[in-house]
Amino acid sequence: MSHPNRERADRILDAAGELLLRMGYRKVAVDDIARAVGIGKGTVYLHWRNKELLFQALMMRESADLTDEVLQAIKADPAMILPHRMIPGSFLITHRRPLVMAMLRGNAEMFGSLGDLALHKQQDELRAQFEETMLRHGLIRADVPNLSYALSASTLGFYLGDTLSHEFEGVPLEEKAAVLAHVIRTAFEPAGEPDPGAVAEVAAELGSALEELVAGYRNGIYAHDPTRSPG
């Protein structure tokens, strides 16, 4: 079932996002969201049949916007697909999205159980495709033990480090991204300059996968029940 009014749906999601950051998932009621938008609670339920599905749609929209920003950067410069550019680029984009950062850092007080609703399956499949495609085209080293774990652990440390220690809070975000780029480049990419043809092929292949992911997210946002969206 599609939403009867997408403009109103977006206003509901905007209000839900602001309240989520301010109050946390458990404290926000549908009444609060309806009041912030200036509509009745019953109108909210025309779009999503319960609070959990509303907030799942909100996180789908955040994921769609973030992924689309990465996709547009790759379209503008195919070399952005290289791990030492795409991973730090995503790092900077993610830090501009407080909701995504809070979810990524496992803020249970803010999100309750919503962390389980963030389309992990699609994200895991895309990550696996990214690694397989990079390996196939020689853009990432094949001699790294347990490559998936190594990449994830190396990257997540940059997202979560500030939550474990205040020692490096003063380091500028762009400097952290530059350090992340250096780590990924030296630890995971082959020496020398990458083959431009391989870069173009990978950008096209993974760009198509990102487009499909964004389309799936968009379909989920504007479905009455995002959990049953064809996307």
C-alpha atoms as a PDB file:
ATOM      1  CA  MET A   1       0.000   0.000   0.000  1.00  0.00           C
ATOM      2  CA  SER A   2       1.524   3.342  -1.047  1.00  0.00           C
ATOM      3  CA  HIS A   3       1.352   6.532   0.923  1.00  0.00           C
ATOM      4  CA  PRO A   4      -1.535   8.804  -0.088  1.00  0.00           C
ATOM      5  CA  ASN A   5       0.588  11.956   0.319  1.00  0.00           C
ATOM      6  CA  ARG A   6       4.379  11.810   0.091  1.00  0.00           C
ATOM      7  CA  GLU A   7       4.895  15.474   0.934  1.00  0.00           C
ATOM      8  CA  ARG A   8       3.003  14.967   4.191  1.00  0.00           C
ATOM      9  CA  ALA A   9       4.892  11.706   4.796  1.00  0.00           C
ATOM     10  CA  ASP A  10       8.185  13.585   4.531  1.00  0.00           C
ATOM     11  CA  ARG A  11       6.996  16.204   7.006  1.00  0.00           C
ATOM     12  CA  ILE A  12       6.103  13.426   9.424  1.00  0.00           C
ATOM     13  CA  LEU A  13       9.549  11.868   8.993  1.00  0.00           C
ATOM     14  CA  ASP A  14      11.260  15.247   9.459  1.00  0.00           C
ATOM     15  CA  ALA A  15       9.444  15.759  12.753  1.00  0.00           C
ATOM     16  CA  ALA A  16      10.143  12.179  13.851  1.00  0.00           C
ATOM     17  CA  GLY A  17      13.864  12.634  13.189  1.00  0.00           C
ATOM     18  CA  GLU A  18      14.061  15.833  15.229  1.00  0.00           C
ATOM     19  CA  LEU A  19      12.164  14.279  18.132  1.00  0.00           C
ATOM     20  CA  LEU A  20      14.242  11.104  17.979  1.00  0.00           C
ATOM     21  CA  LEU A  21      17.484  13.051  18.362  1.00  0.00           C
ATOM     22  CA  ARG A  22      16.060  15.142  21.186  1.00  0.00           C
ATOM     23  CA  MET A  23      14.084  12.566  23.177  1.00  0.00           C
ATOM     24  CA  GLY A  24      15.075   9.051  22.089  1.00  0.00           C
ATOM     25  CA  TYR A  25      12.900   6.336  20.582  1.00  0.00           C
ATOM     26  CA  ARG A  26      11.247   5.128  23.780  1.00  0.00           C
ATOM     27  CA  LYS A  27      10.073   8.591  24.824  1.00  0.00           C
ATOM     28  CA  VAL A  28       8.701   9.729  21.453  1.00  0.00           C
ATOM     29  CA  ALA A  29       5.010   8.979  20.966  1.00  0.00           C
ATOM     30  CA  VAL A  30       3.021   9.173  17.754  1.00  0.00           C
ATOM     31  CA  ASP A  31       1.023  11.935  19.461  1.00  0.00           C
ATOM     32  CA  ASP A  32       4.237  13.985  19.765  1.00  0.00           C
ATOM     33  CA  ILE A  33       5.017  13.558  16.075  1.00  0.00           C
ATOM     34  CA  ALA A  34       1.475  14.419  14.993  1.00  0.00           C
ATOM     35  CA  ARG A  35       1.503  17.528  17.172  1.00  0.00           C
ATOM     36  CA  ALA A  36       4.831  18.679  15.730  1.00  0.00           C
ATOM     37  CA  VAL A  37       3.467  18.335  12.176  1.00  0.00           C
ATOM     38  CA  GLY A  38       0.100  19.878  13.033  1.00  0.00           C
ATOM     39  CA  ILE A  39      -2.014  16.861  12.098  1.00  0.00           C
ATOM     40  CA  GLY A  40      -4.058  14.265  13.949  1.00  0.00           C
ATOM     41  CA  LYS A  41      -2.587  10.999  15.180  1.00  0.00           C
ATOM     42  CA  GLY A  42      -4.930   9.076  12.901  1.00  0.00           C
ATOM     43  CA  THR A  43      -3.402  10.817   9.877  1.00  0.00           C
ATOM     44  CA  VAL A  44       0.036   9.511  10.860  1.00  0.00           C
ATOM     45  CA  TYR A  45      -1.390   5.988  10.861  1.00  0.00           C
ATOM     46  CA  LEU A  46      -2.566   6.491   7.282  1.00  0.00           C
ATOM     47  CA  HIS A  47       1.124   6.364   6.380  1.00  0.00           C
ATOM     48  CA  TRP A  48       2.531   3.770   8.825  1.00  0.00           C
ATOM     49  CA  ARG A  49       0.431   1.498  10.958  1.00  0.00           C
ATOM     50  CA  ASN A  50       2.645   1.775  14.050  1.00  0.00           C
ATOM     51  CA  LYS A  51       5.498   3.774  15.526  1.00  0.00           C
ATOM     52  CA  GLU A  52       8.123   1.127  14.818  1.00  0.00           C
ATOM     53  CA  LEU A  53       7.376   1.104  11.088  1.00  0.00           C
ATOM     54  CA  LEU A  54       7.391   4.912  10.987  1.00  0.00           C
ATOM     55  CA  PHE A  55      10.884   5.034  12.457  1.00  0.00           C
ATOM     56  CA  GLN A  56      12.046   2.239  10.200  1.00  0.00           C
ATOM     57  CA  ALA A  57      10.943   4.372   7.243  1.00  0.00           C
ATOM     58  CA  LEU A  58      12.899   7.281   8.728  1.00  0.00           C
ATOM     59  CA  MET A  59      16.092   5.210   8.848  1.00  0.00           C
ATOM     60  CA  MET A  60      15.470   3.978   5.303  1.00  0.00           C
ATOM     61  CA  ARG A  61      15.277   7.589   4.161  1.00  0.00           C
ATOM     62  CA  GLU A  62      18.529   8.409   5.957  1.00  0.00           C
ATOM     63  CA  SER A  63      20.196   5.380   4.363  1.00  0.00           C
ATOM     64  CA  ALA A  64      18.846   6.294   0.916  1.00  0.00           C
ATOM     65  CA  ASP A  65      20.109   9.874   1.133  1.00  0.00           C
ATOM     66  CA  LEU A  66      23.530   8.790   2.380  1.00  0.00           C
ATOM     67  CA  THR A  67      23.923   6.084  -0.273  1.00  0.00           C
ATOM     68  CA  ASP A  68      22.779   8.458  -3.001  1.00  0.00           C
ATOM     69  CA  GLU A  69      25.395  11.003  -1.943  1.00  0.00           C
ATOM     70  CA  VAL A  70      28.107   8.341  -2.259  1.00  0.00           C
ATOM     71  CA  LEU A  71      26.694   7.320  -5.651  1.00  0.00           C
ATOM     72  CA  GLN A  72      26.743  10.878  -6.981  1.00  0.00           C
ATOM     73  CA  ALA A  73      30.377  11.259  -5.910  1.00  0.00           C
ATOM     74  CA  ILE A  74      31.286   8.089  -7.856  1.00  0.00           C
ATOM     75  CA  LYS A  75      29.410   9.317 -10.930  1.00  0.00           C
ATOM     76  CA  ALA A  76      31.316  12.603 -10.779  1.00  0.00           C
ATOM     77  CA  ASP A  77      34.673  10.824 -10.388  1.00  0.00           C
ATOM     78  CA  PRO A  78      34.860   7.033 -10.970  1.00  0.00           C
ATOM     79  CA  ALA A  79      38.142   6.893  -9.001  1.00  0.00           C
ATOM     80  CA  MET A  80      36.052   7.549  -5.885  1.00  0.00           C
ATOM     81  CA  ILE A  81      35.283   3.825  -6.012  1.00  0.00           C
ATOM     82  CA  LEU A  82      38.816   3.012  -4.835  1.00  0.00           C
ATOM     83  CA  PRO A  83      38.706   1.830  -1.213  1.00  0.00           C
ATOM     84  CA  HIS A  84      41.056   4.537   0.097  1.00  0.00           C
ATOM     85  CA  ARG A  85      38.733   7.167  -1.362  1.00  0.00           C
ATOM     86  CA  MET A  86      35.266   5.678  -0.979  1.00  0.00           C
ATOM     87  CA  ILE A  87      35.640   4.529   2.631  1.00  0.00           C
ATOM     88  CA  PRO A  88      36.911   7.900   3.955  1.00  0.00           C
ATOM     89  CA  GLY A  89      34.392   9.688   1.718  1.00  0.00           C
ATOM     90  CA  SER A  90      31.572   7.667   3.267  1.00  0.00           C
ATOM     91  CA  PHE A  91      33.076   8.401   6.679  1.00  0.00           C
ATOM     92  CA  LEU A  92      32.745  12.155   6.102  1.00  0.00           C
ATOM     93  CA  ILE A  93      29.243  11.878   4.628  1.00  0.00           C
ATOM     94  CA  THR A  94      28.069   9.728   7.538  1.00  0.00           C
ATOM     95  CA  HIS A  95      29.356  12.222  10.098  1.00  0.00           C
ATOM     96  CA  ARG A  96      27.068  14.846   8.572  1.00  0.00           C
ATOM     97  CA  ARG A  97      24.060  12.669   9.461  1.00  0.00           C
ATOM     98  CA  PRO A  98      23.493  12.595  13.235  1.00  0.00           C
ATOM     99  CA  LEU A  99      20.808   9.904  13.061  1.00  0.00           C
ATOM    100  CA  VAL A 100      23.018   7.513  11.113  1.00  0.00           C
ATOM    101  CA  MET A 101      25.969   8.182  13.423  1.00  0.00           C
ATOM    102  CA  ALA A 102      23.875   7.518  16.518  1.00  0.00           C
ATOM    103  CA  MET A 103      22.579   4.268  15.039  1.00  0.00           C
ATOM    104  CA  LEU A 104      26.048   3.186  13.920  1.00  0.00           C
ATOM    105  CA  ARG A 105      27.444   3.788  17.389  1.00  0.00           C
ATOM    106  CA  GLY A 106      24.751   1.596  18.910  1.00  0.00           C
ATOM    107  CA  ASN A 107      22.909   4.278  20.851  1.00  0.00           C
ATOM    108  CA  ALA A 108      20.357   1.926  22.415  1.00  0.00           C
ATOM    109  CA  GLU A 109      18.825   4.680  24.534  1.00  0.00           C
ATOM    110  CA  MET A 110      18.012   6.672  21.418  1.00  0.00           C
ATOM    111  CA  PHE A 111      16.983   3.863  19.095  1.00  0.00           C
ATOM    112  CA  GLY A 112      15.631   1.048  21.210  1.00  0.00           C
ATOM    113  CA  SER A 113      15.437  -1.959  18.863  1.00  0.00           C
ATOM    114  CA  LEU A 114      15.605   0.116  15.684  1.00  0.00           C
ATOM    115  CA  GLY A 115      19.203  -0.880  15.070  1.00  0.00           C
ATOM    116  CA  ASP A 116      17.894  -4.269  13.948  1.00  0.00           C
ATOM    117  CA  LEU A 117      15.702  -2.612  11.304  1.00  0.00           C
ATOM    118  CA  ALA A 118      18.385  -0.832   9.311  1.00  0.00           C
ATOM    119  CA  LEU A 119      18.373  -3.153   6.299  1.00  0.00           C
ATOM    120  CA  HIS A 120      21.454  -5.036   7.463  1.00  0.00           C
ATOM    121  CA  LYS A 121      20.927  -7.796   4.906  1.00  0.00           C
ATOM    122  CA  GLN A 122      21.100  -5.436   1.914  1.00  0.00           C
ATOM    123  CA  GLN A 123      24.111  -3.649   3.373  1.00  0.00           C
ATOM    124  CA  ASP A 124      25.929  -6.921   4.042  1.00  0.00           C
ATOM    125  CA  GLU A 125      25.234  -8.107   0.492  1.00  0.00           C
ATOM    126  CA  LEU A 126      26.562  -4.845  -0.944  1.00  0.00           C
ATOM    127  CA  ARG A 127      29.702  -5.040   1.197  1.00  0.00           C
ATOM    128  CA  ALA A 128      30.329  -8.597   0.000  1.00  0.00           C
ATOM    129  CA  GLN A 129      29.836  -7.524  -3.625  1.00  0.00           C
ATOM    130  CA  PHE A 130      32.217  -4.601  -3.119  1.00  0.00           C
ATOM    131  CA  GLU A 131      34.959  -6.877  -1.823  1.00  0.00           C
ATOM    132  CA  GLU A 132      34.418  -9.539  -4.508  1.00  0.00           C
ATOM    133  CA  THR A 133      34.470  -6.960  -7.303  1.00  0.00           C
ATOM    134  CA  MET A 134      37.580  -5.260  -5.955  1.00  0.00           C
ATOM    135  CA  LEU A 135      39.384  -8.599  -5.689  1.00  0.00           C
ATOM    136  CA  ARG A 136      38.309  -9.666  -9.173  1.00  0.00           C
ATOM    137  CA  HIS A 137      39.727  -6.482 -10.691  1.00  0.00           C
ATOM    138  CA  GLY A 138      42.898  -6.412  -8.600  1.00  0.00           C
ATOM    139  CA  LEU A 139      42.024  -3.192  -6.775  1.00  0.00           C
ATOM    140  CA  ILE A 140      42.387  -4.740  -3.331  1.00  0.00           C
ATOM    141  CA  ARG A 141      44.981  -7.134  -1.969  1.00  0.00           C
ATOM    142  CA  ALA A 142      44.180 -10.835  -2.077  1.00  0.00           C
ATOM    143  CA  ASP A 143      46.702 -11.796   0.637  1.00  0.00           C
ATOM    144  CA  VAL A 144      44.908 -10.153   3.584  1.00  0.00           C
ATOM    145  CA  PRO A 145      43.600 -12.856   5.968  1.00  0.00           C
ATOM    146  CA  ASN A 146      39.843 -12.644   6.524  1.00  0.00           C
ATOM    147  CA  LEU A 147      39.554  -9.545   4.361  1.00  0.00           C
ATOM    148  CA  SER A 148      35.955  -8.747   5.302  1.00  0.00           C
ATOM    149  CA  TYR A 149      36.699  -8.734   9.019  1.00  0.00           C
ATOM    150  CA  ALA A 150      39.923  -6.788   8.566  1.00  0.00           C
ATOM    151  CA  LEU A 151      38.244  -4.047   6.521  1.00  0.00           C
ATOM    152  CA  SER A 152      35.275  -3.775   8.879  1.00  0.00           C
ATOM    153  CA  ALA A 153      37.397  -3.681  12.024  1.00  0.00           C
ATOM    154  CA  SER A 154      39.807  -1.133  10.561  1.00  0.00           C
ATOM    155  CA  THR A 155      36.979   1.139   9.436  1.00  0.00           C
ATOM    156  CA  LEU A 156      34.717   0.858  12.477  1.00  0.00           C
ATOM    157  CA  GLY A 157      37.551   1.889  14.752  1.00  0.00           C
ATOM    158  CA  PHE A 158      37.432   5.352  13.191  1.00  0.00           C
ATOM    159  CA  TYR A 159      33.689   5.619  13.817  1.00  0.00           C
ATOM    160  CA  LEU A 160      33.722   4.274  17.367  1.00  0.00           C
ATOM    161  CA  GLY A 161      37.063   5.486  18.706  1.00  0.00           C
ATOM    162  CA  ASP A 162      35.660   8.653  20.267  1.00  0.00           C
ATOM    163  CA  THR A 163      33.067   6.640  22.200  1.00  0.00           C
ATOM    164  CA  LEU A 164      35.817   4.605  23.883  1.00  0.00           C
ATOM    165  CA  SER A 165      38.300   7.373  24.665  1.00  0.00           C
ATOM    166  CA  HIS A 166      38.200  11.178  24.747  1.00  0.00           C
ATOM    167  CA  GLU A 167      41.903  11.394  23.908  1.00  0.00           C
ATOM    168  CA  PHE A 168      41.424  12.144  20.211  1.00  0.00           C
ATOM    169  CA  GLU A 169      38.202  14.185  20.271  1.00  0.00           C
ATOM    170  CA  GLY A 170      40.118  17.309  19.233  1.00  0.00           C
ATOM    171  CA  VAL A 171      41.423  15.794  15.990  1.00  0.00           C
ATOM    172  CA  PRO A 172      39.582  17.497  13.070  1.00  0.00           C
ATOM    173  CA  LEU A 173      37.210  15.244  11.165  1.00  0.00           C
ATOM    174  CA  GLU A 174      38.988  15.807   7.833  1.00  0.00           C
ATOM    175  CA  GLU A 175      42.276  14.779   9.455  1.00  0.00           C
ATOM    176  CA  LYS A 176      40.687  11.587  10.750  1.00  0.00           C
ATOM    177  CA  ALA A 177      39.417  10.867   7.226  1.00  0.00           C
ATOM    178  CA  ALA A 178      42.926  11.422   5.846  1.00  0.00           C
ATOM    179  CA  VAL A 179      44.360   8.960   8.372  1.00  0.00           C
ATOM    180  CA  LEU A 180      41.655   6.449   7.449  1.00  0.00           C
ATOM    181  CA  ALA A 181      42.553   6.870   3.766  1.00  0.00           C
ATOM    182  CA  HIS A 182      46.226   6.198   4.573  1.00  0.00           C
ATOM    183  CA  VAL A 183      45.407   3.052   6.557  1.00  0.00           C
ATOM    184  CA  ILE A 184      43.151   1.644   3.838  1.00  0.00           C
ATOM    185  CA  ARG A 185      45.605   2.513   1.057  1.00  0.00           C
ATOM    186  CA  THR A 186      48.669   1.004   2.706  1.00  0.00           C
ATOM    187  CA  ALA A 187      47.030  -2.029   4.319  1.00  0.00           C
ATOM    188  CA  PHE A 188      44.531  -3.142   1.707  1.00  0.00           C
ATOM    189  CA  GLU A 189      45.428  -1.886  -1.767  1.00  0.00           C
ATOM    190  CA  PRO A 190      48.181  -3.187  -4.050  1.00  0.00           C
ATOM    191  CA  ALA A 191      51.260  -1.045  -4.553  1.00  0.00           C
ATOM    192  CA  GLY A 192      51.387   1.195  -7.603  1.00  0.00           C
ATOM    193  CA  GLU A 193      48.729   3.041  -9.528  1.00  0.00           C
ATOM    194  CA  PRO A 194      45.463   1.202 -10.249  1.00  0.00           C
ATOM    195  CA  ASP A 195      44.496   0.304 -13.807  1.00  0.00           C
ATOM    196  CA  PRO A 196      42.127   3.050 -15.087  1.00  0.00           C
ATOM    197  CA  GLY A 197      40.143   0.483 -17.069  1.00  0.00           C
ATOM    198  CA  ALA A 198      39.588  -1.636 -13.981  1.00  0.00           C
ATOM    199  CA  VAL A 199      38.546   1.450 -12.017  1.00  0.00           C
ATOM    200  CA  ALA A 200      35.981   2.373 -14.676  1.00  0.00           C
ATOM    201  CA  GLU A 201      34.548  -1.163 -14.767  1.00  0.00           C
ATOM    202  CA  VAL A 202      34.253  -1.370 -10.985  1.00  0.00           C
ATOM    203  CA  ALA A 203      32.664   2.091 -10.794  1.00  0.00           C
ATOM    204  CA  ALA A 204      30.051   1.056 -13.362  1.00  0.00           C
ATOM    205  CA  GLU A 205      29.312  -2.292 -11.703  1.00  0.00           C
ATOM    206  CA  LEU A 206      29.103  -1.021  -8.148  1.00  0.00           C
ATOM    207  CA  GLY A 207      27.365   2.160  -9.249  1.00  0.00           C
ATOM    208  CA  SER A 208      24.534   0.024 -10.624  1.00  0.00           C
ATOM    209  CA  ALA A 209      24.362  -1.907  -7.347  1.00  0.00           C
ATOM    210  CA  LEU A 210      24.152   1.348  -5.394  1.00  0.00           C
ATOM    211  CA  GLU A 211      21.372   2.605  -7.642  1.00  0.00           C
ATOM    212  CA  GLU A 212      19.382  -0.561  -6.946  1.00  0.00           C
ATOM    213  CA  LEU A 213      19.988  -0.173  -3.220  1.00  0.00           C
ATOM    214  CA  VAL A 214      18.778   3.442  -3.253  1.00  0.00           C
ATOM    215  CA  ALA A 215      15.672   2.434  -5.225  1.00  0.00           C
ATOM    216  CA  GLY A 216      14.931  -0.296  -2.685  1.00  0.00           C
ATOM    217  CA  TYR A 217      15.292   2.142   0.183  1.00  0.00           C
ATOM    218  CA  ARG A 218      12.988   4.675  -1.546  1.00  0.00           C
ATOM    219  CA  ASN A 219      10.329   2.012  -2.124  1.00  0.00           C
ATOM    220  CA  GLY A 220      10.519   1.030   1.518  1.00  0.00           C
ATOM    221  CA  ILE A 221      10.091   4.582   2.791  1.00  0.00           C
ATOM    222  CA  TYR A 222       6.822   5.067   0.978  1.00  0.00           C
ATOM    223  CA  ALA A 223       5.283   1.686   1.669  1.00  0.00           C
ATOM    224  CA  HIS A 224       2.569   1.393   4.306  1.00  0.00           C
ATOM    225  CA  ASP A 225       4.606  -1.433   5.822  1.00  0.00           C
ATOM    226  CA  PRO A 226       8.337  -1.031   4.941  1.00  0.00           C
ATOM    227  CA  THR A 227       9.052  -4.603   6.063  1.00  0.00           C
ATOM    228  CA  ARG A 228       6.991  -5.909   3.138  1.00  0.00           C
ATOM    229  CA  SER A 229       8.283  -3.551   0.470  1.00  0.00           C
ATOM    230  CA  PRO A 230       9.307  -5.244  -2.806  1.00  0.00           C
ATOM    231  CA  GLY A 231      12.474  -3.111  -2.701  1.00  0.00           C
END
